[in-house]
Amino acid sequence: MSKNQNDGSLKQLWLGIGIALGIYLLGVILLIASSTLTLPYMLFAGIALIVFPIVSFSMGKKRLGQGALIGLGLNILLFSACAGILIANLGG
């Protein structure tokens, strides 16, 4: 076995990124469907995005944890950009 297979494959890295971005897309769908679900979703998403990499690393899935951390970073950037656009539009 090669060293890459021992540490995990790139499939696990992309899976971690995909799951994290899936959590973000779920929020977009919930926001379109019902704005009353926004606050519970934000609480769930925040907890899930922090717990997911911790659980991945503790289970020994290094690449999945790395993908989850990359996805967490992308989610932070997306949430910040969307919040910035909303705040800028409020000013008129």
PDB file of N, CA and C in Angstrom:
ATOM      1  N   MET A   1       0.842  -1.192   0.000  1.00  0.00           N
ATOM      2  CA  MET A   1       0.000   0.000   0.000  1.00  0.00           C
ATOM      3  C   MET A   1       0.882   1.249   0.000  1.00  0.00           C
ATOM      4  N   SER A   2       0.445   2.219  -0.706  1.00  0.00           N
ATOM      5  CA  SER A   2       1.202   3.467  -0.722  1.00  0.00           C
ATOM      6  C   SER A   2       0.840   4.307   0.496  1.00  0.00           C
ATOM      7  N   LYS A   3       1.654   5.301   0.734  1.00  0.00           N
ATOM      8  CA  LYS A   3       1.428   6.168   1.891  1.00  0.00           C
ATOM      9  C   LYS A   3       0.106   6.926   1.770  1.00  0.00           C
ATOM     10  N   ASN A   4      -0.267   7.306   0.544  1.00  0.00           N
ATOM     11  CA  ASN A   4      -1.514   8.038   0.329  1.00  0.00           C
ATOM     12  C   ASN A   4      -2.724   7.198   0.726  1.00  0.00           C
ATOM     13  N   GLN A   5      -2.673   5.906   0.477  1.00  0.00           N
ATOM     14  CA  GLN A   5      -3.799   5.046   0.823  1.00  0.00           C
ATOM     15  C   GLN A   5      -3.888   4.826   2.322  1.00  0.00           C
ATOM     16  N   ASN A   6      -2.763   4.865   3.015  1.00  0.00           N
ATOM     17  CA  ASN A   6      -2.792   4.712   4.469  1.00  0.00           C
ATOM     18  C   ASN A   6      -3.427   5.917   5.155  1.00  0.00           C
ATOM     19  N   ASP A   7      -3.147   7.104   4.653  1.00  0.00           N
ATOM     20  CA  ASP A   7      -3.671   8.324   5.262  1.00  0.00           C
ATOM     21  C   ASP A   7      -5.083   8.648   4.801  1.00  0.00           C
ATOM     22  N   GLY A   8      -5.545   8.003   3.787  1.00  0.00           N
ATOM     23  CA  GLY A   8      -6.862   8.309   3.225  1.00  0.00           C
ATOM     24  C   GLY A   8      -6.694   8.787   1.795  1.00  0.00           C
ATOM     25  N   SER A   9      -7.722   8.665   1.039  1.00  0.00           N
ATOM     26  CA  SER A   9      -7.627   9.035  -0.367  1.00  0.00           C
ATOM     27  C   SER A   9      -8.168  10.440  -0.589  1.00  0.00           C
ATOM     28  N   LEU A  10      -7.965  10.909  -1.796  1.00  0.00           N
ATOM     29  CA  LEU A  10      -8.499  12.223  -2.145  1.00  0.00           C
ATOM     30  C   LEU A  10     -10.018  12.201  -2.208  1.00  0.00           C
ATOM     31  N   LYS A  11     -10.611  11.007  -2.380  1.00  0.00           N
ATOM     32  CA  LYS A  11     -12.071  10.904  -2.346  1.00  0.00           C
ATOM     33  C   LYS A  11     -12.598  11.367  -0.996  1.00  0.00           C
ATOM     34  N   GLN A  12     -11.906  10.992   0.074  1.00  0.00           N
ATOM     35  CA  GLN A  12     -12.347  11.409   1.409  1.00  0.00           C
ATOM     36  C   GLN A  12     -12.201  12.913   1.584  1.00  0.00           C
ATOM     37  N   LEU A  13     -11.152  13.487   1.004  1.00  0.00           N
ATOM     38  CA  LEU A  13     -10.969  14.936   1.078  1.00  0.00           C
ATOM     39  C   LEU A  13     -12.137  15.643   0.403  1.00  0.00           C
ATOM     40  N   TRP A  14     -12.473  15.200  -0.805  1.00  0.00           N
ATOM     41  CA  TRP A  14     -13.582  15.817  -1.537  1.00  0.00           C
ATOM     42  C   TRP A  14     -14.918  15.530  -0.871  1.00  0.00           C
ATOM     43  N   LEU A  15     -15.046  14.365  -0.237  1.00  0.00           N
ATOM     44  CA  LEU A  15     -16.268  14.046   0.490  1.00  0.00           C
ATOM     45  C   LEU A  15     -16.466  15.013   1.661  1.00  0.00           C
ATOM     46  N   GLY A  16     -15.390  15.302   2.378  1.00  0.00           N
ATOM     47  CA  GLY A  16     -15.480  16.256   3.482  1.00  0.00           C
ATOM     48  C   GLY A  16     -15.872  17.647   3.010  1.00  0.00           C
ATOM     49  N   ILE A  17     -15.281  18.086   1.896  1.00  0.00           N
ATOM     50  CA  ILE A  17     -15.640  19.388   1.337  1.00  0.00           C
ATOM     51  C   ILE A  17     -17.096  19.381   0.885  1.00  0.00           C
ATOM     52  N   GLY A  18     -17.504  18.294   0.243  1.00  0.00           N
ATOM     53  CA  GLY A  18     -18.881  18.192  -0.251  1.00  0.00           C
ATOM     54  C   GLY A  18     -19.913  18.202   0.860  1.00  0.00           C
ATOM     55  N   ILE A  19     -19.633  17.492   1.949  1.00  0.00           N
ATOM     56  CA  ILE A  19     -20.575  17.479   3.068  1.00  0.00           C
ATOM     57  C   ILE A  19     -20.690  18.865   3.685  1.00  0.00           C
ATOM     58  N   ALA A  20     -19.567  19.548   3.861  1.00  0.00           N
ATOM     59  CA  ALA A  20     -19.601  20.887   4.448  1.00  0.00           C
ATOM     60  C   ALA A  20     -20.345  21.870   3.547  1.00  0.00           C
ATOM     61  N   LEU A  21     -20.116  21.799   2.247  1.00  0.00           N
ATOM     62  CA  LEU A  21     -20.834  22.694   1.339  1.00  0.00           C
ATOM     63  C   LEU A  21     -22.300  22.288   1.209  1.00  0.00           C
ATOM     64  N   GLY A  22     -22.590  21.005   1.390  1.00  0.00           N
ATOM     65  CA  GLY A  22     -23.974  20.553   1.407  1.00  0.00           C
ATOM     66  C   GLY A  22     -24.747  21.156   2.564  1.00  0.00           C
ATOM     67  N   ILE A  23     -24.074  21.309   3.696  1.00  0.00           N
ATOM     68  CA  ILE A  23     -24.709  21.961   4.851  1.00  0.00           C
ATOM     69  C   ILE A  23     -25.049  23.409   4.506  1.00  0.00           C
ATOM     70  N   TYR A  24     -24.159  24.082   3.774  1.00  0.00           N
ATOM     71  CA  TYR A  24     -24.421  25.461   3.366  1.00  0.00           C
ATOM     72  C   TYR A  24     -25.605  25.518   2.391  1.00  0.00           C
ATOM     73  N   LEU A  25     -25.626  24.621   1.407  1.00  0.00           N
ATOM     74  CA  LEU A  25     -26.708  24.616   0.427  1.00  0.00           C
ATOM     75  C   LEU A  25     -28.041  24.278   1.067  1.00  0.00           C
ATOM     76  N   LEU A  26     -28.034  23.431   2.085  1.00  0.00           N
ATOM     77  CA  LEU A  26     -29.255  23.135   2.832  1.00  0.00           C
ATOM     78  C   LEU A  26     -29.812  24.415   3.453  1.00  0.00           C
ATOM     79  N   GLY A  27     -28.928  25.258   3.966  1.00  0.00           N
ATOM     80  CA  GLY A  27     -29.362  26.528   4.541  1.00  0.00           C
ATOM     81  C   GLY A  27     -29.970  27.458   3.510  1.00  0.00           C
ATOM     82  N   VAL A  28     -29.402  27.481   2.312  1.00  0.00           N
ATOM     83  CA  VAL A  28     -29.959  28.318   1.250  1.00  0.00           C
ATOM     84  C   VAL A  28     -31.354  27.836   0.881  1.00  0.00           C
ATOM     85  N   ILE A  29     -31.512  26.527   0.775  1.00  0.00           N
ATOM     86  CA  ILE A  29     -32.831  25.971   0.443  1.00  0.00           C
ATOM     87  C   ILE A  29     -33.833  26.273   1.550  1.00  0.00           C
ATOM     88  N   LEU A  30     -33.417  26.111   2.814  1.00  0.00           N
ATOM     89  CA  LEU A  30     -34.321  26.414   3.928  1.00  0.00           C
ATOM     90  C   LEU A  30     -34.689  27.892   3.973  1.00  0.00           C
ATOM     91  N   LEU A  31     -33.754  28.753   3.641  1.00  0.00           N
ATOM     92  CA  LEU A  31     -34.033  30.185   3.637  1.00  0.00           C
ATOM     93  C   LEU A  31     -35.050  30.540   2.562  1.00  0.00           C
ATOM     94  N   ILE A  32     -34.944  29.893   1.411  1.00  0.00           N
ATOM     95  CA  ILE A  32     -35.911  30.140   0.343  1.00  0.00           C
ATOM     96  C   ILE A  32     -37.280  29.579   0.730  1.00  0.00           C
ATOM     97  N   ALA A  33     -37.299  28.404   1.359  1.00  0.00           N
ATOM     98  CA  ALA A  33     -38.562  27.754   1.703  1.00  0.00           C
ATOM     99  C   ALA A  33     -39.285  28.469   2.835  1.00  0.00           C
ATOM    100  N   SER A  34     -38.563  28.778   3.913  1.00  0.00           N
ATOM    101  CA  SER A  34     -39.206  29.389   5.070  1.00  0.00           C
ATOM    102  C   SER A  34     -38.179  30.162   5.875  1.00  0.00           C
ATOM    103  N   SER A  35     -38.416  31.428   6.041  1.00  0.00           N
ATOM    104  CA  SER A  35     -37.459  32.249   6.778  1.00  0.00           C
ATOM    105  C   SER A  35     -37.510  32.003   8.280  1.00  0.00           C
ATOM    106  N   THR A  36     -38.558  31.335   8.762  1.00  0.00           N
ATOM    107  CA  THR A  36     -38.638  31.063  10.202  1.00  0.00           C
ATOM    108  C   THR A  36     -37.662  29.965  10.629  1.00  0.00           C
ATOM    109  N   LEU A  37     -37.161  29.187   9.670  1.00  0.00           N
ATOM    110  CA  LEU A  37     -36.217  28.122   9.997  1.00  0.00           C
ATOM    111  C   LEU A  37     -34.765  28.591   9.995  1.00  0.00           C
ATOM    112  N   THR A  38     -34.531  29.867   9.759  1.00  0.00           N
ATOM    113  CA  THR A  38     -33.169  30.365   9.617  1.00  0.00           C
ATOM    114  C   THR A  38     -32.373  30.251  10.914  1.00  0.00           C
ATOM    115  N   LEU A  39     -32.930  30.687  12.018  1.00  0.00           N
ATOM    116  CA  LEU A  39     -32.189  30.646  13.283  1.00  0.00           C
ATOM    117  C   LEU A  39     -31.895  29.218  13.744  1.00  0.00           C
ATOM    118  N   PRO A  40     -32.881  28.306  13.721  1.00  0.00           N
ATOM    119  CA  PRO A  40     -32.531  26.923  14.094  1.00  0.00           C
ATOM    120  C   PRO A  40     -31.486  26.315  13.162  1.00  0.00           C
ATOM    121  N   TYR A  41     -31.568  26.641  11.871  1.00  0.00           N
ATOM    122  CA  TYR A  41     -30.573  26.124  10.934  1.00  0.00           C
ATOM    123  C   TYR A  41     -29.189  26.660  11.272  1.00  0.00           C
ATOM    124  N   MET A  42     -29.091  27.950  11.570  1.00  0.00           N
ATOM    125  CA  MET A  42     -27.785  28.529  11.874  1.00  0.00           C
ATOM    126  C   MET A  42     -27.168  27.878  13.107  1.00  0.00           C
ATOM    127  N   LEU A  43     -27.986  27.568  14.103  1.00  0.00           N
ATOM    128  CA  LEU A  43     -27.477  26.880  15.287  1.00  0.00           C
ATOM    129  C   LEU A  43     -27.006  25.471  14.926  1.00  0.00           C
ATOM    130  N   PHE A  44     -27.825  24.745  14.168  1.00  0.00           N
ATOM    131  CA  PHE A  44     -27.462  23.393  13.751  1.00  0.00           C
ATOM    132  C   PHE A  44     -26.205  23.398  12.889  1.00  0.00           C
ATOM    133  N   ALA A  45     -26.145  24.302  11.925  1.00  0.00           N
ATOM    134  CA  ALA A  45     -25.017  24.343  10.998  1.00  0.00           C
ATOM    135  C   ALA A  45     -23.723  24.697  11.724  1.00  0.00           C
ATOM    136  N   GLY A  46     -23.789  25.649  12.631  1.00  0.00           N
ATOM    137  CA  GLY A  46     -22.593  26.025  13.377  1.00  0.00           C
ATOM    138  C   GLY A  46     -22.042  24.874  14.190  1.00  0.00           C
ATOM    139  N   ILE A  47     -22.924  24.171  14.860  1.00  0.00           N
ATOM    140  CA  ILE A  47     -22.484  23.024  15.662  1.00  0.00           C
ATOM    141  C   ILE A  47     -21.973  21.908  14.757  1.00  0.00           C
ATOM    142  N   ALA A  48     -22.703  21.619  13.682  1.00  0.00           N
ATOM    143  CA  ALA A  48     -22.308  20.527  12.780  1.00  0.00           C
ATOM    144  C   ALA A  48     -20.970  20.802  12.102  1.00  0.00           C
ATOM    145  N   LEU A  49     -20.745  22.044  11.686  1.00  0.00           N
ATOM    146  CA  LEU A  49     -19.501  22.368  10.987  1.00  0.00           C
ATOM    147  C   LEU A  49     -18.289  22.332  11.913  1.00  0.00           C
ATOM    148  N   ILE A  50     -18.494  22.505  13.197  1.00  0.00           N
ATOM    149  CA  ILE A  50     -17.386  22.425  14.144  1.00  0.00           C
ATOM    150  C   ILE A  50     -17.169  20.988  14.610  1.00  0.00           C
ATOM    151  N   VAL A  51     -18.248  20.253  14.823  1.00  0.00           N
ATOM    152  CA  VAL A  51     -18.139  18.881  15.335  1.00  0.00           C
ATOM    153  C   VAL A  51     -17.659  17.918  14.240  1.00  0.00           C
ATOM    154  N   PHE A  52     -18.047  18.128  12.996  1.00  0.00           N
ATOM    155  CA  PHE A  52     -17.710  17.224  11.903  1.00  0.00           C
ATOM    156  C   PHE A  52     -16.200  16.987  11.760  1.00  0.00           C
ATOM    157  N   PRO A  53     -15.355  18.030  11.717  1.00  0.00           N
ATOM    158  CA  PRO A  53     -13.909  17.761  11.623  1.00  0.00           C
ATOM    159  C   PRO A  53     -13.351  17.075  12.870  1.00  0.00           C
ATOM    160  N   ILE A  54     -13.874  17.420  14.042  1.00  0.00           N
ATOM    161  CA  ILE A  54     -13.383  16.814  15.277  1.00  0.00           C
ATOM    162  C   ILE A  54     -13.660  15.317  15.275  1.00  0.00           C
ATOM    163  N   VAL A  55     -14.875  14.938  14.898  1.00  0.00           N
ATOM    164  CA  VAL A  55     -15.236  13.520  14.853  1.00  0.00           C
ATOM    165  C   VAL A  55     -14.413  12.799  13.781  1.00  0.00           C
ATOM    166  N   SER A  56     -14.202  13.440  12.643  1.00  0.00           N
ATOM    167  CA  SER A  56     -13.430  12.815  11.564  1.00  0.00           C
ATOM    168  C   SER A  56     -12.005  12.520  12.002  1.00  0.00           C
ATOM    169  N   PHE A  57     -11.362  13.494  12.647  1.00  0.00           N
ATOM    170  CA  PHE A  57      -9.990  13.281  13.100  1.00  0.00           C
ATOM    171  C   PHE A  57      -9.926  12.240  14.214  1.00  0.00           C
ATOM    172  N   SER A  58     -10.907  12.244  15.114  1.00  0.00           N
ATOM    173  CA  SER A  58     -10.886  11.280  16.216  1.00  0.00           C
ATOM    174  C   SER A  58     -11.136   9.854  15.725  1.00  0.00           C
ATOM    175  N   MET A  59     -11.836   9.698  14.596  1.00  0.00           N
ATOM    176  CA  MET A  59     -12.048   8.370  14.025  1.00  0.00           C
ATOM    177  C   MET A  59     -10.855   7.922  13.184  1.00  0.00           C
ATOM    178  N   GLY A  60      -9.865   8.766  13.033  1.00  0.00           N
ATOM    179  CA  GLY A  60      -8.673   8.413  12.266  1.00  0.00           C
ATOM    180  C   GLY A  60      -8.784   8.680  10.780  1.00  0.00           C
ATOM    181  N   LYS A  61      -9.807   9.394  10.363  1.00  0.00           N
ATOM    182  CA  LYS A  61      -9.987   9.721   8.944  1.00  0.00           C
ATOM    183  C   LYS A  61      -9.402  11.111   8.708  1.00  0.00           C
ATOM    184  N   LYS A  62      -8.084  11.117   8.493  1.00  0.00           N
ATOM    185  CA  LYS A  62      -7.347  12.372   8.382  1.00  0.00           C
ATOM    186  C   LYS A  62      -7.800  13.207   7.183  1.00  0.00           C
ATOM    187  N   ARG A  63      -7.923  12.566   6.023  1.00  0.00           N
ATOM    188  CA  ARG A  63      -8.315  13.309   4.815  1.00  0.00           C
ATOM    189  C   ARG A  63      -9.741  13.850   4.907  1.00  0.00           C
ATOM    190  N   LEU A  64     -10.643  13.073   5.490  1.00  0.00           N
ATOM    191  CA  LEU A  64     -12.025  13.534   5.654  1.00  0.00           C
ATOM    192  C   LEU A  64     -12.048  14.753   6.577  1.00  0.00           C
ATOM    193  N   GLY A  65     -11.252  14.722   7.633  1.00  0.00           N
ATOM    194  CA  GLY A  65     -11.156  15.868   8.538  1.00  0.00           C
ATOM    195  C   GLY A  65     -10.568  17.093   7.859  1.00  0.00           C
ATOM    196  N   GLN A  66      -9.567  16.871   7.021  1.00  0.00           N
ATOM    197  CA  GLN A  66      -8.992  17.997   6.283  1.00  0.00           C
ATOM    198  C   GLN A  66     -10.004  18.601   5.321  1.00  0.00           C
ATOM    199  N   GLY A  67     -10.759  17.743   4.649  1.00  0.00           N
ATOM    200  CA  GLY A  67     -11.805  18.238   3.755  1.00  0.00           C
ATOM    201  C   GLY A  67     -12.876  19.000   4.509  1.00  0.00           C
ATOM    202  N   ALA A  68     -13.210  18.514   5.709  1.00  0.00           N
ATOM    203  CA  ALA A  68     -14.210  19.205   6.528  1.00  0.00           C
ATOM    204  C   ALA A  68     -13.698  20.578   6.956  1.00  0.00           C
ATOM    205  N   LEU A  69     -12.408  20.676   7.261  1.00  0.00           N
ATOM    206  CA  LEU A  69     -11.850  21.982   7.637  1.00  0.00           C
ATOM    207  C   LEU A  69     -11.815  22.934   6.451  1.00  0.00           C
ATOM    208  N   ILE A  70     -11.498  22.424   5.269  1.00  0.00           N
ATOM    209  CA  ILE A  70     -11.540  23.262   4.060  1.00  0.00           C
ATOM    210  C   ILE A  70     -12.971  23.734   3.812  1.00  0.00           C
ATOM    211  N   GLY A  71     -13.928  22.816   3.954  1.00  0.00           N
ATOM    212  CA  GLY A  71     -15.335  23.182   3.792  1.00  0.00           C
ATOM    213  C   GLY A  71     -15.785  24.193   4.824  1.00  0.00           C
ATOM    214  N   LEU A  72     -15.297  24.058   6.053  1.00  0.00           N
ATOM    215  CA  LEU A  72     -15.622  25.027   7.107  1.00  0.00           C
ATOM    216  C   LEU A  72     -15.109  26.410   6.726  1.00  0.00           C
ATOM    217  N   GLY A  73     -13.893  26.466   6.192  1.00  0.00           N
ATOM    218  CA  GLY A  73     -13.348  27.746   5.743  1.00  0.00           C
ATOM    219  C   GLY A  73     -14.162  28.349   4.613  1.00  0.00           C
ATOM    220  N   LEU A  74     -14.575  27.510   3.670  1.00  0.00           N
ATOM    221  CA  LEU A  74     -15.413  28.002   2.569  1.00  0.00           C
ATOM    222  C   LEU A  74     -16.757  28.502   3.078  1.00  0.00           C
ATOM    223  N   ASN A  75     -17.323  27.800   4.050  1.00  0.00           N
ATOM    224  CA  ASN A  75     -18.601  28.233   4.626  1.00  0.00           C
ATOM    225  C   ASN A  75     -18.461  29.576   5.325  1.00  0.00           C
ATOM    226  N   ILE A  76     -17.377  29.765   6.051  1.00  0.00           N
ATOM    227  CA  ILE A  76     -17.151  31.048   6.729  1.00  0.00           C
ATOM    228  C   ILE A  76     -17.058  32.173   5.704  1.00  0.00           C
ATOM    229  N   LEU A  77     -16.336  31.921   4.608  1.00  0.00           N
ATOM    230  CA  LEU A  77     -16.224  32.938   3.565  1.00  0.00           C
ATOM    231  C   LEU A  77     -17.576  33.224   2.904  1.00  0.00           C
ATOM    232  N   LEU A  78     -18.356  32.172   2.624  1.00  0.00           N
ATOM    233  CA  LEU A  78     -19.667  32.365   1.996  1.00  0.00           C
ATOM    234  C   LEU A  78     -20.630  33.108   2.917  1.00  0.00           C
ATOM    235  N   PHE A  79     -20.687  32.705   4.194  1.00  0.00           N
ATOM    236  CA  PHE A  79     -21.565  33.388   5.147  1.00  0.00           C
ATOM    237  C   PHE A  79     -21.160  34.850   5.303  1.00  0.00           C
ATOM    238  N   SER A  80     -19.863  35.119   5.363  1.00  0.00           N
ATOM    239  CA  SER A  80     -19.393  36.498   5.524  1.00  0.00           C
ATOM    240  C   SER A  80     -19.720  37.340   4.295  1.00  0.00           C
ATOM    241  N   ALA A  81     -19.521  36.771   3.125  1.00  0.00           N
ATOM    242  CA  ALA A  81     -19.810  37.512   1.896  1.00  0.00           C
ATOM    243  C   ALA A  81     -21.298  37.825   1.791  1.00  0.00           C
ATOM    244  N   CYS A  82     -22.133  36.845   2.103  1.00  0.00           N
ATOM    245  CA  CYS A  82     -23.585  37.078   2.035  1.00  0.00           C
ATOM    246  C   CYS A  82     -24.027  38.118   3.061  1.00  0.00           C
ATOM    247  N   ALA A  83     -23.472  38.044   4.255  1.00  0.00           N
ATOM    248  CA  ALA A  83     -23.818  39.025   5.283  1.00  0.00           C
ATOM    249  C   ALA A  83     -23.347  40.419   4.856  1.00  0.00           C
ATOM    250  N   GLY A  84     -22.181  40.506   4.252  1.00  0.00           N
ATOM    251  CA  GLY A  84     -21.678  41.792   3.766  1.00  0.00           C
ATOM    252  C   GLY A  84     -22.552  42.395   2.687  1.00  0.00           C
ATOM    253  N   ILE A  85     -23.022  41.550   1.788  1.00  0.00           N
ATOM    254  CA  ILE A  85     -23.920  42.031   0.730  1.00  0.00           C
ATOM    255  C   ILE A  85     -25.227  42.519   1.311  1.00  0.00           C
ATOM    256  N   LEU A  86     -25.770  41.773   2.264  1.00  0.00           N
ATOM    257  CA  LEU A  86     -27.021  42.197   2.903  1.00  0.00           C
ATOM    258  C   LEU A  86     -26.851  43.503   3.661  1.00  0.00           C
ATOM    259  N   ILE A  87     -25.769  43.660   4.390  1.00  0.00           N
ATOM    260  CA  ILE A  87     -25.537  44.902   5.148  1.00  0.00           C
ATOM    261  C   ILE A  87     -25.329  46.078   4.205  1.00  0.00           C
ATOM    262  N   ALA A  88     -24.610  45.851   3.103  1.00  0.00           N
ATOM    263  CA  ALA A  88     -24.375  46.926   2.137  1.00  0.00           C
ATOM    264  C   ALA A  88     -25.680  47.352   1.477  1.00  0.00           C
ATOM    265  N   ASN A  89     -26.587  46.413   1.238  1.00  0.00           N
ATOM    266  CA  ASN A  89     -27.857  46.756   0.606  1.00  0.00           C
ATOM    267  C   ASN A  89     -28.809  47.463   1.562  1.00  0.00           C
ATOM    268  N   LEU A  90     -28.629  47.295   2.845  1.00  0.00           N
ATOM    269  CA  LEU A  90     -29.491  47.984   3.809  1.00  0.00           C
ATOM    270  C   LEU A  90     -29.230  49.481   3.847  1.00  0.00           C
ATOM    271  N   GLY A  91     -28.000  49.862   3.516  1.00  0.00           N
ATOM    272  CA  GLY A  91     -27.640  51.276   3.541  1.00  0.00           C
ATOM    273  C   GLY A  91     -28.289  52.087   2.428  1.00  0.00           C
ATOM    274  N   GLY A  92     -28.736  51.439   1.398  1.00  0.00           N
ATOM    275  CA  GLY A  92     -29.440  52.124   0.331  1.00  0.00           C
ATOM    276  C   GLY A  92     -28.537  52.483  -0.753  1.00  0.00           C
TER     277      GLY A  92
END
